[in-house]
Full PDB file with SEQRES, HELIX, SHEET, SSBOND, CRYST1, ORIGX, SCALE, CONECT and MASTER records, all heavy atoms in Angstrom:
SEQRES   1 A   38  GLY GLY ASP ARG VAL GLY GLN VAL ILE ALA GLY LEU VAL          
SEQRES   2 A   38  SER PHE PHE ASN PRO GLY LEU VAL VAL ILE GLY GLY GLY          
SEQRES   3 A   38  VAL THR GLY LEU GLY HIS THR LEU LEU ALA THR ILE              
HELIX    1 AA1 GLY A    2  PHE A   16  1                                  15    
HELIX    2 AA2 GLY A   26  LEU A   30  5                                   5    
HELIX    3 AA3 HIS A   32  THR A   37  1                                   6    
CRYST1    1.000    1.000    1.000  90.00  90.00  90.00 P 1           1          
ORIGX1      1.000000  0.000000  0.000000        0.00000                         
ORIGX2      0.000000  1.000000  0.000000        0.00000                         
ORIGX3      0.000000  0.000000  1.000000        0.00000                         
SCALE1      1.000000  0.000000  0.000000        0.00000                         
SCALE2      0.000000  1.000000  0.000000        0.00000                         
SCALE3      0.000000  0.000000  1.000000        0.00000                         
ATOM      1  N   GLY A   1     109.976  73.330 -16.048  1.00  0.00           N  
ATOM      2  CA  GLY A   1     109.815  74.749 -16.495  1.00  0.00           C  
ATOM      3  C   GLY A   1     109.653  75.772 -15.368  1.00  0.00           C  
ATOM      4  O   GLY A   1     110.183  76.800 -15.447  1.00  0.00           O  
ATOM      5  N   GLY A   2     108.766  75.380 -14.409  1.00  0.00           N  
ATOM      6  CA  GLY A   2     108.596  76.137 -13.276  1.00  0.00           C  
ATOM      7  C   GLY A   2     109.858  76.425 -12.458  1.00  0.00           C  
ATOM      8  O   GLY A   2     110.093  77.529 -11.971  1.00  0.00           O  
ATOM      9  N   ASP A   3     110.642  75.333 -12.269  1.00  0.00           N  
ATOM     10  CA  ASP A   3     111.862  75.433 -11.622  1.00  0.00           C  
ATOM     11  C   ASP A   3     112.857  76.461 -12.306  1.00  0.00           C  
ATOM     12  O   ASP A   3     113.401  77.359 -11.570  1.00  0.00           O  
ATOM     13  CB  ASP A   3     112.638  74.090 -11.571  1.00  0.00           C  
ATOM     14  CG  ASP A   3     112.060  73.093 -10.443  1.00  0.00           C  
ATOM     15  OD1 ASP A   3     111.407  73.599  -9.596  1.00  0.00           O  
ATOM     16  OD2 ASP A   3     112.282  71.883 -10.680  1.00  0.00           O  
ATOM     17  N   ARG A   4     112.930  76.367 -13.594  1.00  0.00           N  
ATOM     18  CA  ARG A   4     113.815  77.251 -14.336  1.00  0.00           C  
ATOM     19  C   ARG A   4     113.273  78.782 -14.300  1.00  0.00           C  
ATOM     20  O   ARG A   4     114.026  79.651 -14.085  1.00  0.00           O  
ATOM     21  CB  ARG A   4     113.970  76.805 -15.767  1.00  0.00           C  
ATOM     22  CG  ARG A   4     114.696  75.500 -15.852  1.00  0.00           C  
ATOM     23  CD  ARG A   4     114.856  74.979 -17.223  1.00  0.00           C  
ATOM     24  NE  ARG A   4     115.508  73.686 -17.227  1.00  0.00           N  
ATOM     25  CZ  ARG A   4     116.154  73.237 -18.222  1.00  0.00           C  
ATOM     26  NH1 ARG A   4     116.323  73.918 -19.263  1.00  0.00           N  
ATOM     27  NH2 ARG A   4     116.672  72.010 -18.182  1.00  0.00           N  
ATOM     28  N   VAL A   5     112.020  78.930 -14.494  1.00  0.00           N  
ATOM     29  CA  VAL A   5     111.396  80.239 -14.412  1.00  0.00           C  
ATOM     30  C   VAL A   5     111.543  80.796 -12.982  1.00  0.00           C  
ATOM     31  O   VAL A   5     111.955  81.976 -12.818  1.00  0.00           O  
ATOM     32  CB  VAL A   5     109.961  80.277 -14.900  1.00  0.00           C  
ATOM     33  CG1 VAL A   5     109.336  81.562 -14.573  1.00  0.00           C  
ATOM     34  CG2 VAL A   5     109.877  79.947 -16.406  1.00  0.00           C  
ATOM     35  N   GLY A   6     111.336  79.969 -12.003  1.00  0.00           N  
ATOM     36  CA  GLY A   6     111.471  80.400 -10.638  1.00  0.00           C  
ATOM     37  C   GLY A   6     112.903  80.864 -10.288  1.00  0.00           C  
ATOM     38  O   GLY A   6     113.071  81.784  -9.491  1.00  0.00           O  
ATOM     39  N   GLN A   7     113.812  80.109 -10.855  1.00  0.00           N  
ATOM     40  CA  GLN A   7     115.272  80.490 -10.555  1.00  0.00           C  
ATOM     41  C   GLN A   7     115.597  81.864 -11.165  1.00  0.00           C  
ATOM     42  O   GLN A   7     116.265  82.723 -10.489  1.00  0.00           O  
ATOM     43  CB  GLN A   7     116.232  79.477 -11.135  1.00  0.00           C  
ATOM     44  CG  GLN A   7     116.168  78.137 -10.453  1.00  0.00           C  
ATOM     45  CD  GLN A   7     116.948  77.037 -11.232  1.00  0.00           C  
ATOM     46  OE1 GLN A   7     117.495  77.264 -12.224  1.00  0.00           O  
ATOM     47  NE2 GLN A   7     116.946  75.880 -10.668  1.00  0.00           N  
ATOM     48  N   VAL A   8     115.074  82.223 -12.324  1.00  0.00           N  
ATOM     49  CA  VAL A   8     115.341  83.507 -12.881  1.00  0.00           C  
ATOM     50  C   VAL A   8     114.604  84.534 -12.087  1.00  0.00           C  
ATOM     51  O   VAL A   8     115.153  85.626 -11.821  1.00  0.00           O  
ATOM     52  CB  VAL A   8     114.873  83.494 -14.394  1.00  0.00           C  
ATOM     53  CG1 VAL A   8     114.909  84.917 -14.930  1.00  0.00           C  
ATOM     54  CG2 VAL A   8     115.793  82.546 -15.205  1.00  0.00           C  
ATOM     55  N   ILE A   9     113.278  84.278 -11.748  1.00  0.00           N  
ATOM     56  CA  ILE A   9     112.510  85.299 -11.034  1.00  0.00           C  
ATOM     57  C   ILE A   9     113.167  85.394  -9.642  1.00  0.00           C  
ATOM     58  O   ILE A   9     113.168  86.592  -9.169  1.00  0.00           O  
ATOM     59  CB  ILE A   9     111.102  84.893 -10.824  1.00  0.00           C  
ATOM     60  CG1 ILE A   9     110.456  84.925 -12.331  1.00  0.00           C  
ATOM     61  CG2 ILE A   9     110.288  85.728  -9.952  1.00  0.00           C  
ATOM     62  CD1 ILE A   9     109.051  84.351 -12.403  1.00  0.00           C  
ATOM     63  N   ALA A  10     113.726  84.475  -9.026  1.00  0.00           N  
ATOM     64  CA  ALA A  10     114.310  84.607  -7.683  1.00  0.00           C  
ATOM     65  C   ALA A  10     115.497  85.652  -7.767  1.00  0.00           C  
ATOM     66  O   ALA A  10     115.649  86.475  -6.889  1.00  0.00           O  
ATOM     67  CB  ALA A  10     114.836  83.311  -7.298  1.00  0.00           C  
ATOM     68  N   GLY A  11     116.217  85.577  -8.807  1.00  0.00           N  
ATOM     69  CA  GLY A  11     117.370  86.570  -8.993  1.00  0.00           C  
ATOM     70  C   GLY A  11     116.859  87.991  -9.170  1.00  0.00           C  
ATOM     71  O   GLY A  11     117.279  88.924  -8.542  1.00  0.00           O  
ATOM     72  N   LEU A  12     115.847  88.121  -9.919  1.00  0.00           N  
ATOM     73  CA  LEU A  12     115.195  89.480 -10.142  1.00  0.00           C  
ATOM     74  C   LEU A  12     114.486  89.997  -8.852  1.00  0.00           C  
ATOM     75  O   LEU A  12     114.627  91.176  -8.666  1.00  0.00           O  
ATOM     76  CB  LEU A  12     114.097  89.343 -11.278  1.00  0.00           C  
ATOM     77  CG  LEU A  12     114.587  88.975 -12.646  1.00  0.00           C  
ATOM     78  CD1 LEU A  12     113.490  88.661 -13.584  1.00  0.00           C  
ATOM     79  CD2 LEU A  12     115.455  90.168 -13.190  1.00  0.00           C  
ATOM     80  N   VAL A  13     113.862  89.094  -8.060  1.00  0.00           N  
ATOM     81  CA  VAL A  13     113.271  89.512  -6.872  1.00  0.00           C  
ATOM     82  C   VAL A  13     114.342  90.030  -5.891  1.00  0.00           C  
ATOM     83  O   VAL A  13     114.079  91.016  -5.173  1.00  0.00           O  
ATOM     84  CB  VAL A  13     112.461  88.291  -6.250  1.00  0.00           C  
ATOM     85  CG1 VAL A  13     112.054  88.614  -4.707  1.00  0.00           C  
ATOM     86  CG2 VAL A  13     111.165  88.126  -7.074  1.00  0.00           C  
ATOM     87  N   SER A  14     115.422  89.257  -5.828  1.00  0.00           N  
ATOM     88  CA  SER A  14     116.458  89.658  -4.874  1.00  0.00           C  
ATOM     89  C   SER A  14     117.054  91.036  -5.258  1.00  0.00           C  
ATOM     90  O   SER A  14     117.498  91.798  -4.478  1.00  0.00           O  
ATOM     91  CB  SER A  14     117.589  88.655  -4.849  1.00  0.00           C  
ATOM     92  OG  SER A  14     117.104  87.470  -4.267  1.00  0.00           O  
ATOM     93  N   PHE A  15     117.126  91.343  -6.561  1.00  0.00           N  
ATOM     94  CA  PHE A  15     117.727  92.555  -7.054  1.00  0.00           C  
ATOM     95  C   PHE A  15     116.790  93.749  -6.979  1.00  0.00           C  
ATOM     96  O   PHE A  15     117.119  94.810  -6.540  1.00  0.00           O  
ATOM     97  CB  PHE A  15     118.249  92.389  -8.479  1.00  0.00           C  
ATOM     98  CG  PHE A  15     118.985  93.503  -9.083  1.00  0.00           C  
ATOM     99  CD1 PHE A  15     120.297  93.748  -8.719  1.00  0.00           C  
ATOM    100  CD2 PHE A  15     118.340  94.444  -9.899  1.00  0.00           C  
ATOM    101  CE1 PHE A  15     120.985  94.847  -9.166  1.00  0.00           C  
ATOM    102  CE2 PHE A  15     119.073  95.483 -10.379  1.00  0.00           C  
ATOM    103  CZ  PHE A  15     120.407  95.679 -10.084  1.00  0.00           C  
ATOM    104  N   PHE A  16     115.536  93.519  -7.452  1.00  0.00           N  
ATOM    105  CA  PHE A  16     114.597  94.681  -7.559  1.00  0.00           C  
ATOM    106  C   PHE A  16     113.682  94.826  -6.326  1.00  0.00           C  
ATOM    107  O   PHE A  16     113.009  95.840  -6.190  1.00  0.00           O  
ATOM    108  CB  PHE A  16     113.717  94.455  -8.789  1.00  0.00           C  
ATOM    109  CG  PHE A  16     114.417  94.665 -10.111  1.00  0.00           C  
ATOM    110  CD1 PHE A  16     114.744  93.700 -10.927  1.00  0.00           C  
ATOM    111  CD2 PHE A  16     114.828  95.961 -10.487  1.00  0.00           C  
ATOM    112  CE1 PHE A  16     115.420  93.855 -12.122  1.00  0.00           C  
ATOM    113  CE2 PHE A  16     115.512  96.191 -11.612  1.00  0.00           C  
ATOM    114  CZ  PHE A  16     115.882  95.162 -12.484  1.00  0.00           C  
ATOM    115  N   ASN A  17     113.474  93.663  -5.536  1.00  0.00           N  
ATOM    116  CA  ASN A  17     112.607  93.765  -4.351  1.00  0.00           C  
ATOM    117  C   ASN A  17     111.268  94.332  -4.721  1.00  0.00           C  
ATOM    118  O   ASN A  17     110.745  95.280  -4.156  1.00  0.00           O  
ATOM    119  CB  ASN A  17     113.309  94.670  -3.294  1.00  0.00           C  
ATOM    120  CG  ASN A  17     112.599  94.421  -2.008  1.00  0.00           C  
ATOM    121  OD1 ASN A  17     111.884  93.447  -1.684  1.00  0.00           O  
ATOM    122  ND2 ASN A  17     112.745  95.392  -1.106  1.00  0.00           N  
ATOM    123  N   PRO A  18     110.480  93.634  -5.608  1.00  0.00           N  
ATOM    124  CA  PRO A  18     109.126  94.110  -5.995  1.00  0.00           C  
ATOM    125  C   PRO A  18     108.134  93.828  -4.959  1.00  0.00           C  
ATOM    126  O   PRO A  18     108.356  92.988  -3.966  1.00  0.00           O  
ATOM    127  CB  PRO A  18     108.819  93.249  -7.236  1.00  0.00           C  
ATOM    128  CG  PRO A  18     109.559  91.988  -7.011  1.00  0.00           C  
ATOM    129  CD  PRO A  18     110.927  92.434  -6.310  1.00  0.00           C  
ATOM    130  N   GLY A  19     106.959  94.510  -5.037  1.00  0.00           N  
ATOM    131  CA  GLY A  19     105.915  94.310  -4.095  1.00  0.00           C  
ATOM    132  C   GLY A  19     104.930  93.224  -4.564  1.00  0.00           C  
ATOM    133  O   GLY A  19     104.160  92.687  -3.709  1.00  0.00           O  
ATOM    134  N   LEU A  20     105.005  92.828  -5.872  1.00  0.00           N  
ATOM    135  CA  LEU A  20     104.121  91.796  -6.395  1.00  0.00           C  
ATOM    136  C   LEU A  20     104.785  91.235  -7.636  1.00  0.00           C  
ATOM    137  O   LEU A  20     105.417  91.914  -8.448  1.00  0.00           O  
ATOM    138  CB  LEU A  20     102.760  92.487  -6.832  1.00  0.00           C  
ATOM    139  CG  LEU A  20     101.804  91.701  -7.562  1.00  0.00           C  
ATOM    140  CD1 LEU A  20     101.212  90.587  -6.777  1.00  0.00           C  
ATOM    141  CD2 LEU A  20     100.703  92.628  -8.101  1.00  0.00           C  
ATOM    142  N   VAL A  21     104.595  89.874  -7.833  1.00  0.00           N  
ATOM    143  CA  VAL A  21     105.079  89.233  -9.034  1.00  0.00           C  
ATOM    144  C   VAL A  21     103.823  88.652  -9.768  1.00  0.00           C  
ATOM    145  O   VAL A  21     103.097  87.846  -9.081  1.00  0.00           O  
ATOM    146  CB  VAL A  21     106.101  88.136  -8.766  1.00  0.00           C  
ATOM    147  CG1 VAL A  21     106.403  87.385 -10.034  1.00  0.00           C  
ATOM    148  CG2 VAL A  21     107.362  88.703  -8.133  1.00  0.00           C  
ATOM    149  N   VAL A  22     103.637  88.894 -10.993  1.00  0.00           N  
ATOM    150  CA  VAL A  22     102.443  88.399 -11.732  1.00  0.00           C  
ATOM    151  C   VAL A  22     103.069  87.597 -12.910  1.00  0.00           C  
ATOM    152  O   VAL A  22     103.784  88.121 -13.682  1.00  0.00           O  
ATOM    153  CB  VAL A  22     101.577  89.583 -12.258  1.00  0.00           C  
ATOM    154  CG1 VAL A  22     100.470  88.980 -13.061  1.00  0.00           C  
ATOM    155  CG2 VAL A  22     101.060  90.419 -11.129  1.00  0.00           C  
ATOM    156  N   ILE A  23     102.598  86.354 -12.931  1.00  0.00           N  
ATOM    157  CA  ILE A  23     102.936  85.506 -14.025  1.00  0.00           C  
ATOM    158  C   ILE A  23     101.775  85.569 -15.014  1.00  0.00           C  
ATOM    159  O   ILE A  23     100.711  85.251 -14.701  1.00  0.00           O  
ATOM    160  CB  ILE A  23     103.062  83.978 -13.596  1.00  0.00           C  
ATOM    161  CG1 ILE A  23     104.042  83.854 -12.388  1.00  0.00           C  
ATOM    162  CG2 ILE A  23     103.531  83.120 -14.706  1.00  0.00           C  
ATOM    163  CD1 ILE A  23     105.395  84.313 -12.544  1.00  0.00           C  
ATOM    164  N   GLY A  24     102.160  86.046 -16.264  1.00  0.00           N  
ATOM    165  CA  GLY A  24     101.128  86.280 -17.251  1.00  0.00           C  
ATOM    166  C   GLY A  24     101.340  85.592 -18.542  1.00  0.00           C  
ATOM    167  O   GLY A  24     102.403  84.936 -18.749  1.00  0.00           O  
ATOM    168  N   GLY A  25     100.391  85.707 -19.491  1.00  0.00           N  
ATOM    169  CA  GLY A  25     100.580  85.223 -20.842  1.00  0.00           C  
ATOM    170  C   GLY A  25      99.975  83.759 -20.871  1.00  0.00           C  
ATOM    171  O   GLY A  25      99.172  83.350 -20.071  1.00  0.00           O  
ATOM    172  N   GLY A  26     100.378  83.100 -21.904  1.00  0.00           N  
ATOM    173  CA  GLY A  26      99.762  81.769 -22.184  1.00  0.00           C  
ATOM    174  C   GLY A  26     100.113  80.757 -21.203  1.00  0.00           C  
ATOM    175  O   GLY A  26      99.240  79.784 -21.020  1.00  0.00           O  
ATOM    176  N   VAL A  27     101.216  80.974 -20.447  1.00  0.00           N  
ATOM    177  CA  VAL A  27     101.532  79.931 -19.405  1.00  0.00           C  
ATOM    178  C   VAL A  27     100.595  79.926 -18.230  1.00  0.00           C  
ATOM    179  O   VAL A  27     100.553  78.973 -17.421  1.00  0.00           O  
ATOM    180  CB  VAL A  27     102.998  80.150 -18.867  1.00  0.00           C  
ATOM    181  CG1 VAL A  27     104.035  79.978 -19.963  1.00  0.00           C  
ATOM    182  CG2 VAL A  27     103.184  81.499 -18.147  1.00  0.00           C  
ATOM    183  N   THR A  28      99.737  80.938 -18.178  1.00  0.00           N  
ATOM    184  CA  THR A  28      98.742  80.897 -17.000  1.00  0.00           C  
ATOM    185  C   THR A  28      97.814  79.785 -17.158  1.00  0.00           C  
ATOM    186  O   THR A  28      97.179  79.288 -16.200  1.00  0.00           O  
ATOM    187  CB  THR A  28      97.997  82.200 -16.931  1.00  0.00           C  
ATOM    188  OG1 THR A  28      97.293  82.450 -18.198  1.00  0.00           O  
ATOM    189  CG2 THR A  28      98.925  83.409 -16.544  1.00  0.00           C  
ATOM    190  N   GLY A  29      97.677  79.183 -18.376  1.00  0.00           N  
ATOM    191  CA  GLY A  29      96.727  78.112 -18.662  1.00  0.00           C  
ATOM    192  C   GLY A  29      97.338  76.842 -17.972  1.00  0.00           C  
ATOM    193  O   GLY A  29      96.550  75.833 -17.845  1.00  0.00           O  
ATOM    194  N   LEU A  30      98.644  76.754 -17.587  1.00  0.00           N  
ATOM    195  CA  LEU A  30      99.109  75.698 -16.901  1.00  0.00           C  
ATOM    196  C   LEU A  30      98.762  75.558 -15.525  1.00  0.00           C  
ATOM    197  O   LEU A  30      98.971  74.571 -14.866  1.00  0.00           O  
ATOM    198  CB  LEU A  30     100.683  75.581 -17.056  1.00  0.00           C  
ATOM    199  CG  LEU A  30     101.156  75.469 -18.556  1.00  0.00           C  
ATOM    200  CD1 LEU A  30     102.743  75.653 -18.596  1.00  0.00           C  
ATOM    201  CD2 LEU A  30     100.695  74.254 -19.223  1.00  0.00           C  
ATOM    202  N   GLY A  31      98.188  76.630 -14.968  1.00  0.00           N  
ATOM    203  CA  GLY A  31      97.620  76.693 -13.639  1.00  0.00           C  
ATOM    204  C   GLY A  31      98.544  76.592 -12.421  1.00  0.00           C  
ATOM    205  O   GLY A  31      99.747  76.988 -12.456  1.00  0.00           O  
ATOM    206  N   HIS A  32      97.980  75.970 -11.407  1.00  0.00           N  
ATOM    207  CA  HIS A  32      98.624  76.067 -10.095  1.00  0.00           C  
ATOM    208  C   HIS A  32      99.857  75.173  -9.905  1.00  0.00           C  
ATOM    209  O   HIS A  32     100.601  75.342  -9.054  1.00  0.00           O  
ATOM    210  CB  HIS A  32      97.516  75.896  -9.031  1.00  0.00           C  
ATOM    211  CG  HIS A  32      96.588  77.021  -8.993  1.00  0.00           C  
ATOM    212  ND1 HIS A  32      96.910  78.222  -8.414  1.00  0.00           N  
ATOM    213  CD2 HIS A  32      95.266  77.134  -9.492  1.00  0.00           C  
ATOM    214  CE1 HIS A  32      95.922  79.096  -8.554  1.00  0.00           C  
ATOM    215  NE2 HIS A  32      94.828  78.421  -9.225  1.00  0.00           N  
ATOM    216  N   THR A  33      99.910  74.151 -10.795  1.00  0.00           N  
ATOM    217  CA  THR A  33     101.109  73.334 -10.742  1.00  0.00           C  
ATOM    218  C   THR A  33     102.380  74.150 -11.037  1.00  0.00           C  
ATOM    219  O   THR A  33     103.348  74.105 -10.315  1.00  0.00           O  
ATOM    220  CB  THR A  33     100.973  72.097 -11.767  1.00  0.00           C  
ATOM    221  OG1 THR A  33      99.849  71.354 -11.379  1.00  0.00           O  
ATOM    222  CG2 THR A  33     102.238  71.284 -11.662  1.00  0.00           C  
ATOM    223  N   LEU A  34     102.322  74.926 -12.135  1.00  0.00           N  
ATOM    224  CA  LEU A  34     103.423  75.813 -12.503  1.00  0.00           C  
ATOM    225  C   LEU A  34     103.535  76.874 -11.419  1.00  0.00           C  
ATOM    226  O   LEU A  34     104.798  77.073 -11.048  1.00  0.00           O  
ATOM    227  CB  LEU A  34     103.181  76.520 -13.846  1.00  0.00           C  
ATOM    228  CG  LEU A  34     104.115  77.459 -14.346  1.00  0.00           C  
ATOM    229  CD1 LEU A  34     105.415  76.720 -14.683  1.00  0.00           C  
ATOM    230  CD2 LEU A  34     103.667  78.322 -15.487  1.00  0.00           C  
ATOM    231  N   LEU A  35     102.529  77.432 -10.978  1.00  0.00           N  
ATOM    232  CA  LEU A  35     102.636  78.540 -10.019  1.00  0.00           C  
ATOM    233  C   LEU A  35     103.326  78.017  -8.748  1.00  0.00           C  
ATOM    234  O   LEU A  35     104.175  78.739  -8.099  1.00  0.00           O  
ATOM    235  CB  LEU A  35     101.266  79.149  -9.729  1.00  0.00           C  
ATOM    236  CG  LEU A  35     101.260  80.307  -8.745  1.00  0.00           C  
ATOM    237  CD1 LEU A  35     102.054  81.500  -9.314  1.00  0.00           C  
ATOM    238  CD2 LEU A  35      99.773  80.726  -8.460  1.00  0.00           C  
ATOM    239  N   ALA A  36     102.909  76.915  -8.240  1.00  0.00           N  
ATOM    240  CA  ALA A  36     103.433  76.349  -7.019  1.00  0.00           C  
ATOM    241  C   ALA A  36     104.918  76.093  -7.212  1.00  0.00           C  
ATOM    242  O   ALA A  36     105.778  76.360  -6.254  1.00  0.00           O  
ATOM    243  CB  ALA A  36     102.699  75.051  -6.631  1.00  0.00           C  
ATOM    244  N   THR A  37     105.381  75.567  -8.279  1.00  0.00           N  
ATOM    245  CA  THR A  37     106.804  75.311  -8.492  1.00  0.00           C  
ATOM    246  C   THR A  37     107.556  76.599  -8.583  1.00  0.00           C  
ATOM    247  O   THR A  37     108.683  76.725  -8.064  1.00  0.00           O  
ATOM    248  CB  THR A  37     106.940  74.469  -9.845  1.00  0.00           C  
ATOM    249  OG1 THR A  37     106.128  73.336  -9.806  1.00  0.00           O  
ATOM    250  CG2 THR A  37     108.416  74.081  -9.943  1.00  0.00           C  
ATOM    251  N   ILE A  38     107.073  77.608  -9.240  1.00  0.00           N  
ATOM    252  CA  ILE A  38     107.727  78.933  -9.264  1.00  0.00           C  
ATOM    253  C   ILE A  38     107.864  79.500  -7.939  1.00  0.00           C  
ATOM    254  O   ILE A  38     108.965  79.935  -7.507  1.00  0.00           O  
ATOM    255  CB  ILE A  38     107.009  79.865 -10.211  1.00  0.00           C  
ATOM    256  CG1 ILE A  38     107.106  79.437 -11.687  1.00  0.00           C  
ATOM    257  CG2 ILE A  38     107.518  81.360 -10.157  1.00  0.00           C  
ATOM    258  CD1 ILE A  38     106.332  80.127 -12.738  1.00  0.00           C  
TER     259      ILE A  38                                                      
MASTER        0    0    0    3    0    0    0    6  258    1    0    3          
END                                                                             
């Protein structure tokens, strides 16, 4: 799941060039394993 979410966010980051990305909602309960993969 982190791989797939990370691929989508990678495209958005390349297009929008944000200063910060915050992963929010219920998936935050999955913790740092998800975050590291993203």
